[in-house]
Amino acid sequence: MPLDYLDFDYSEDSEGTGTLDAMACVAPSHLARLEAEIAQVLGWAEAHFGAPAAPIEEGGSWHFDLQGTEETSTPLVLHFDAETQSLTRTPGAPGAPRTTLTLSLSGTAGFCADLRAHFDLE
C-alpha cells in the first residue's frame, strides 16, 4: 500500500534497531490527507505490533515520535538601486500557512521489515 505524502528514510543501528523517518510539508488543503496517512501508519503498527508503543530498551517492539510546525512565509519584493549599489526590500502579502509534520518510527527488525513491506517502502 503506497503512501502519497510520507517518504521514509531507513537506518539501522549496530544492535539491529531500525528507524524510519519521514517529513512532509503541505498547504492547508492537503493537511487532512497527510494526517490521515500518518494515522493509517500508526494504526497499522498498533494493530500488528500492539499498544502502547514503547521503546525497544523498555521491552517494546516499536515506538514513534510525531512533531509538527506551522509557518507562514512572506515574500519580499527586491529592488536593486544602481546609483547607490544597494538593495531595497518591501514585504509582500503573507502566503497561506504551511504545516510540516515529522514522523519517526523505530522498532525491531521484524517490525521494520513488515512496515516496509506493507507500505511498499524501499
N, C-alpha and C. Protein backbone atom coordinates (compact mmCIF):
# COMPACT_ATOMS: atom_id res chain seq x y z
N MET A 1 0.84 -1.17 0.00
CA MET A 1 0.00 0.00 0.00
C MET A 1 0.89 1.24 0.00
N PRO A 2 1.08 1.86 -1.14
CA PRO A 2 1.96 3.04 -1.22
C PRO A 2 1.39 4.26 -0.49
N LEU A 3 2.30 5.10 -0.04
CA LEU A 3 1.93 6.32 0.66
C LEU A 3 2.13 7.51 -0.28
N ASP A 4 1.27 8.52 -0.17
CA ASP A 4 1.36 9.69 -1.04
C ASP A 4 2.19 10.83 -0.47
N TYR A 5 2.20 10.98 0.85
CA TYR A 5 2.87 12.13 1.47
C TYR A 5 4.14 11.76 2.23
N LEU A 6 4.14 10.61 2.86
CA LEU A 6 5.28 10.22 3.68
C LEU A 6 6.30 9.45 2.85
N ASP A 7 7.52 9.96 2.84
CA ASP A 7 8.63 9.32 2.14
C ASP A 7 9.69 9.02 3.21
N PHE A 8 9.76 7.76 3.62
CA PHE A 8 10.61 7.39 4.75
C PHE A 8 12.05 7.12 4.34
N ASP A 9 12.97 7.55 5.19
CA ASP A 9 14.38 7.17 5.11
C ASP A 9 14.59 6.13 6.20
N TYR A 10 15.34 5.07 5.87
CA TYR A 10 15.56 3.97 6.80
C TYR A 10 17.01 3.93 7.23
N SER A 11 17.22 3.71 8.52
CA SER A 11 18.58 3.47 9.04
C SER A 11 18.49 2.41 10.12
N GLU A 12 19.63 1.81 10.43
CA GLU A 12 19.66 0.74 11.41
C GLU A 12 20.91 0.89 12.26
N ASP A 13 20.78 0.67 13.58
CA ASP A 13 21.95 0.77 14.44
C ASP A 13 22.65 -0.58 14.55
N SER A 14 23.74 -0.61 15.28
CA SER A 14 24.55 -1.82 15.39
C SER A 14 23.85 -2.94 16.15
N GLU A 15 22.79 -2.61 16.88
CA GLU A 15 22.05 -3.63 17.63
C GLU A 15 20.84 -4.15 16.85
N GLY A 16 20.66 -3.67 15.62
CA GLY A 16 19.56 -4.14 14.79
C GLY A 16 18.26 -3.37 14.90
N THR A 17 18.25 -2.30 15.70
CA THR A 17 17.05 -1.48 15.80
C THR A 17 16.98 -0.58 14.58
N GLY A 18 15.84 -0.60 13.90
CA GLY A 18 15.66 0.21 12.71
C GLY A 18 14.91 1.49 13.03
N THR A 19 15.18 2.52 12.24
CA THR A 19 14.48 3.80 12.37
C THR A 19 14.04 4.25 11.00
N LEU A 20 12.77 4.64 10.91
CA LEU A 20 12.21 5.18 9.68
C LEU A 20 11.75 6.60 9.97
N ASP A 21 12.30 7.56 9.23
CA ASP A 21 11.99 8.97 9.44
C ASP A 21 11.33 9.54 8.19
N ALA A 22 10.25 10.30 8.38
CA ALA A 22 9.58 10.97 7.27
C ALA A 22 9.19 12.37 7.69
N MET A 23 9.20 13.27 6.70
CA MET A 23 8.76 14.64 6.92
C MET A 23 7.95 15.05 5.70
N ALA A 24 6.84 15.72 5.94
CA ALA A 24 6.02 16.24 4.84
C ALA A 24 5.58 17.65 5.19
N CYS A 25 5.62 18.53 4.20
CA CYS A 25 5.22 19.91 4.36
C CYS A 25 4.09 20.17 3.36
N VAL A 26 2.92 20.56 3.87
CA VAL A 26 1.75 20.69 3.00
C VAL A 26 1.00 21.99 3.23
N ALA A 27 0.25 22.38 2.21
CA ALA A 27 -0.66 23.51 2.29
C ALA A 27 -1.91 23.06 3.06
N PRO A 28 -2.70 24.00 3.56
CA PRO A 28 -3.90 23.64 4.32
C PRO A 28 -4.83 22.67 3.59
N SER A 29 -4.92 22.77 2.29
CA SER A 29 -5.83 21.91 1.53
C SER A 29 -5.40 20.44 1.54
N HIS A 30 -4.17 20.14 1.92
CA HIS A 30 -3.67 18.76 1.94
C HIS A 30 -3.45 18.22 3.35
N LEU A 31 -3.63 19.07 4.36
CA LEU A 31 -3.30 18.67 5.73
C LEU A 31 -4.12 17.48 6.21
N ALA A 32 -5.40 17.47 5.95
CA ALA A 32 -6.25 16.36 6.42
C ALA A 32 -5.80 15.04 5.80
N ARG A 33 -5.38 15.05 4.55
CA ARG A 33 -4.91 13.82 3.90
C ARG A 33 -3.58 13.35 4.49
N LEU A 34 -2.69 14.29 4.81
CA LEU A 34 -1.43 13.93 5.45
C LEU A 34 -1.69 13.35 6.83
N GLU A 35 -2.56 13.99 7.60
CA GLU A 35 -2.88 13.48 8.94
C GLU A 35 -3.50 12.09 8.86
N ALA A 36 -4.35 11.86 7.87
CA ALA A 36 -4.98 10.55 7.70
C ALA A 36 -3.92 9.50 7.36
N GLU A 37 -2.93 9.87 6.57
CA GLU A 37 -1.88 8.93 6.20
C GLU A 37 -1.04 8.55 7.42
N ILE A 38 -0.71 9.53 8.26
CA ILE A 38 0.03 9.25 9.49
C ILE A 38 -0.80 8.35 10.39
N ALA A 39 -2.08 8.65 10.54
CA ALA A 39 -2.95 7.82 11.36
C ALA A 39 -3.03 6.39 10.82
N GLN A 40 -3.01 6.25 9.51
CA GLN A 40 -3.05 4.92 8.88
C GLN A 40 -1.79 4.13 9.25
N VAL A 41 -0.63 4.76 9.17
CA VAL A 41 0.63 4.08 9.50
C VAL A 41 0.65 3.69 10.98
N LEU A 42 0.29 4.63 11.85
CA LEU A 42 0.30 4.33 13.29
C LEU A 42 -0.77 3.30 13.65
N GLY A 43 -1.92 3.37 13.01
CA GLY A 43 -2.97 2.38 13.25
C GLY A 43 -2.54 0.99 12.84
N TRP A 44 -1.85 0.89 11.69
CA TRP A 44 -1.33 -0.40 11.24
C TRP A 44 -0.33 -0.94 12.26
N ALA A 45 0.60 -0.08 12.72
CA ALA A 45 1.63 -0.51 13.67
C ALA A 45 0.99 -1.02 14.95
N GLU A 46 0.01 -0.30 15.45
CA GLU A 46 -0.64 -0.70 16.69
C GLU A 46 -1.44 -1.99 16.51
N ALA A 47 -2.11 -2.13 15.37
CA ALA A 47 -2.91 -3.34 15.13
C ALA A 47 -2.04 -4.58 14.99
N HIS A 48 -0.85 -4.42 14.42
CA HIS A 48 0.00 -5.59 14.16
C HIS A 48 1.08 -5.84 15.21
N PHE A 49 1.44 -4.79 15.97
CA PHE A 49 2.53 -4.95 16.94
C PHE A 49 2.16 -4.51 18.34
N GLY A 50 0.89 -4.18 18.55
CA GLY A 50 0.41 -3.88 19.89
C GLY A 50 0.59 -2.46 20.34
N ALA A 51 -0.10 -2.16 21.40
CA ALA A 51 -0.04 -0.84 22.00
C ALA A 51 0.09 -1.03 23.50
N PRO A 52 0.61 -0.11 24.23
CA PRO A 52 1.15 1.15 23.70
C PRO A 52 2.54 0.95 23.10
N ALA A 53 2.87 1.83 22.21
CA ALA A 53 4.20 1.79 21.61
C ALA A 53 5.22 2.11 22.69
N ALA A 54 6.25 1.30 22.81
CA ALA A 54 7.28 1.53 23.82
C ALA A 54 8.65 1.35 23.18
N PRO A 55 9.64 2.12 23.62
CA PRO A 55 10.99 1.95 23.08
C PRO A 55 11.51 0.53 23.29
N ILE A 56 12.39 0.11 22.42
CA ILE A 56 12.98 -1.24 22.48
C ILE A 56 13.60 -1.50 23.85
N GLU A 57 14.33 -0.49 24.38
CA GLU A 57 15.01 -0.67 25.67
C GLU A 57 14.04 -0.85 26.83
N GLU A 58 12.76 -0.55 26.60
CA GLU A 58 11.75 -0.76 27.63
C GLU A 58 10.88 -1.98 27.32
N GLY A 59 11.33 -2.80 26.37
CA GLY A 59 10.63 -4.04 26.06
C GLY A 59 9.61 -3.96 24.94
N GLY A 60 9.49 -2.82 24.30
CA GLY A 60 8.54 -2.68 23.19
C GLY A 60 9.13 -3.18 21.89
N SER A 61 8.25 -3.40 20.93
CA SER A 61 8.74 -3.79 19.60
C SER A 61 8.75 -2.61 18.64
N TRP A 62 8.11 -1.50 19.06
CA TRP A 62 8.15 -0.30 18.23
C TRP A 62 7.83 0.93 19.07
N HIS A 63 8.17 2.08 18.53
CA HIS A 63 7.96 3.35 19.20
C HIS A 63 7.86 4.42 18.12
N PHE A 64 7.22 5.55 18.45
CA PHE A 64 7.16 6.63 17.47
C PHE A 64 7.30 7.99 18.12
N ASP A 65 7.69 8.96 17.31
CA ASP A 65 7.76 10.36 17.71
C ASP A 65 7.09 11.16 16.60
N LEU A 66 6.13 11.99 16.95
CA LEU A 66 5.38 12.77 15.98
C LEU A 66 5.47 14.23 16.40
N GLN A 67 5.88 15.10 15.46
CA GLN A 67 6.01 16.52 15.76
C GLN A 67 5.49 17.33 14.58
N GLY A 68 5.16 18.59 14.85
CA GLY A 68 4.67 19.44 13.78
C GLY A 68 4.94 20.90 14.03
N THR A 69 4.99 21.66 12.93
CA THR A 69 5.11 23.11 12.99
C THR A 69 4.24 23.71 11.89
N GLU A 70 3.82 24.94 12.12
CA GLU A 70 3.08 25.67 11.10
C GLU A 70 3.80 26.99 10.88
N GLU A 71 4.05 27.32 9.61
CA GLU A 71 4.79 28.53 9.29
C GLU A 71 4.08 29.28 8.17
N THR A 72 4.16 30.57 8.25
CA THR A 72 3.66 31.44 7.19
C THR A 72 4.85 32.19 6.62
N SER A 73 4.99 32.19 5.31
CA SER A 73 6.10 32.92 4.70
C SER A 73 5.57 34.20 4.05
N THR A 74 6.43 35.20 4.05
CA THR A 74 6.09 36.48 3.43
C THR A 74 7.12 36.74 2.34
N PRO A 75 6.68 36.78 1.09
CA PRO A 75 7.63 37.05 0.02
C PRO A 75 8.15 38.49 0.10
N LEU A 76 9.35 38.70 -0.39
CA LEU A 76 9.94 40.04 -0.41
C LEU A 76 10.04 40.52 -1.86
N VAL A 77 9.67 41.77 -2.08
CA VAL A 77 9.87 42.40 -3.37
C VAL A 77 11.22 43.11 -3.27
N LEU A 78 12.17 42.70 -4.09
CA LEU A 78 13.53 43.25 -4.03
C LEU A 78 13.79 44.17 -5.21
N HIS A 79 14.52 45.24 -4.95
CA HIS A 79 14.86 46.20 -6.00
C HIS A 79 16.33 46.58 -5.83
N PHE A 80 17.05 46.55 -6.94
CA PHE A 80 18.46 46.96 -6.93
C PHE A 80 18.54 48.41 -7.39
N ASP A 81 19.15 49.24 -6.57
CA ASP A 81 19.36 50.65 -6.91
C ASP A 81 20.78 50.78 -7.44
N ALA A 82 20.91 51.02 -8.74
CA ALA A 82 22.22 51.10 -9.38
C ALA A 82 23.02 52.29 -8.89
N GLU A 83 22.33 53.37 -8.58
CA GLU A 83 23.03 54.58 -8.15
C GLU A 83 23.70 54.39 -6.80
N THR A 84 23.01 53.75 -5.86
CA THR A 84 23.58 53.55 -4.52
C THR A 84 24.23 52.17 -4.37
N GLN A 85 24.07 51.35 -5.41
CA GLN A 85 24.63 49.99 -5.38
C GLN A 85 24.12 49.23 -4.16
N SER A 86 22.81 49.31 -3.93
CA SER A 86 22.23 48.63 -2.78
C SER A 86 20.88 48.03 -3.14
N LEU A 87 20.42 47.19 -2.25
CA LEU A 87 19.11 46.56 -2.41
C LEU A 87 18.12 47.19 -1.46
N THR A 88 16.89 47.28 -1.91
CA THR A 88 15.79 47.64 -1.02
C THR A 88 14.80 46.49 -1.07
N ARG A 89 14.09 46.33 0.02
CA ARG A 89 13.11 45.24 0.07
C ARG A 89 11.82 45.75 0.67
N THR A 90 10.73 45.22 0.14
CA THR A 90 9.40 45.55 0.64
C THR A 90 8.66 44.25 0.85
N PRO A 91 8.12 44.03 2.05
CA PRO A 91 7.36 42.79 2.27
C PRO A 91 6.10 42.76 1.40
N GLY A 92 5.83 41.58 0.84
CA GLY A 92 4.61 41.38 0.08
C GLY A 92 3.53 40.84 1.00
N ALA A 93 2.48 40.34 0.40
CA ALA A 93 1.37 39.78 1.17
C ALA A 93 1.77 38.39 1.69
N PRO A 94 1.52 38.13 2.98
CA PRO A 94 1.85 36.80 3.52
C PRO A 94 1.10 35.70 2.77
N GLY A 95 1.76 34.58 2.59
CA GLY A 95 1.15 33.43 1.94
C GLY A 95 0.36 32.60 2.94
N ALA A 96 -0.30 31.58 2.42
CA ALA A 96 -1.06 30.67 3.28
C ALA A 96 -0.08 29.89 4.16
N PRO A 97 -0.48 29.57 5.37
CA PRO A 97 0.42 28.80 6.24
C PRO A 97 0.66 27.41 5.67
N ARG A 98 1.84 26.89 5.92
CA ARG A 98 2.18 25.52 5.55
C ARG A 98 2.47 24.77 6.84
N THR A 99 2.03 23.53 6.88
CA THR A 99 2.23 22.69 8.06
C THR A 99 3.25 21.62 7.72
N THR A 100 4.24 21.46 8.59
CA THR A 100 5.25 20.41 8.45
C THR A 100 5.05 19.42 9.58
N LEU A 101 4.88 18.16 9.23
CA LEU A 101 4.76 17.09 10.21
C LEU A 101 5.91 16.12 10.01
N THR A 102 6.52 15.69 11.10
CA THR A 102 7.59 14.69 11.04
C THR A 102 7.15 13.48 11.86
N LEU A 103 7.42 12.31 11.30
CA LEU A 103 7.11 11.05 11.97
C LEU A 103 8.35 10.19 11.96
N SER A 104 8.78 9.78 13.14
CA SER A 104 9.90 8.85 13.28
C SER A 104 9.38 7.58 13.95
N LEU A 105 9.65 6.47 13.34
CA LEU A 105 9.28 5.17 13.88
C LEU A 105 10.55 4.39 14.13
N SER A 106 10.65 3.73 15.24
CA SER A 106 11.78 2.84 15.48
C SER A 106 11.23 1.52 15.98
N GLY A 107 11.96 0.45 15.67
CA GLY A 107 11.48 -0.84 16.10
C GLY A 107 12.44 -1.97 15.80
N THR A 108 11.97 -3.15 16.13
CA THR A 108 12.75 -4.36 15.90
C THR A 108 12.90 -4.60 14.40
N ALA A 109 13.78 -5.52 14.06
CA ALA A 109 13.98 -5.86 12.64
C ALA A 109 12.67 -6.37 12.03
N GLY A 110 11.92 -7.17 12.78
CA GLY A 110 10.64 -7.69 12.28
C GLY A 110 9.62 -6.59 12.04
N PHE A 111 9.53 -5.65 12.98
CA PHE A 111 8.61 -4.53 12.81
C PHE A 111 8.96 -3.73 11.57
N CYS A 112 10.24 -3.38 11.42
CA CYS A 112 10.67 -2.57 10.28
C CYS A 112 10.45 -3.29 8.96
N ALA A 113 10.76 -4.58 8.92
CA ALA A 113 10.58 -5.35 7.69
C ALA A 113 9.10 -5.41 7.30
N ASP A 114 8.23 -5.67 8.27
CA ASP A 114 6.79 -5.75 7.98
C ASP A 114 6.23 -4.39 7.55
N LEU A 115 6.63 -3.33 8.22
CA LEU A 115 6.16 -2.00 7.86
C LEU A 115 6.61 -1.63 6.46
N ARG A 116 7.86 -1.88 6.16
CA ARG A 116 8.40 -1.55 4.83
C ARG A 116 7.69 -2.36 3.75
N ALA A 117 7.39 -3.61 4.01
CA ALA A 117 6.69 -4.44 3.03
C ALA A 117 5.25 -3.98 2.84
N HIS A 118 4.56 -3.71 3.94
CA HIS A 118 3.14 -3.34 3.87
C HIS A 118 2.93 -2.02 3.12
N PHE A 119 3.81 -1.04 3.35
CA PHE A 119 3.65 0.26 2.73
C PHE A 119 4.55 0.46 1.51
N ASP A 120 5.11 -0.59 0.98
CA ASP A 120 5.95 -0.54 -0.23
C ASP A 120 7.09 0.47 -0.10
N LEU A 121 7.78 0.43 1.04
CA LEU A 121 8.91 1.33 1.26
C LEU A 121 10.19 0.65 0.82
N GLU A 122 11.07 1.40 0.23
CA GLU A 122 12.34 0.83 -0.22
C GLU A 122 13.31 0.71 0.90
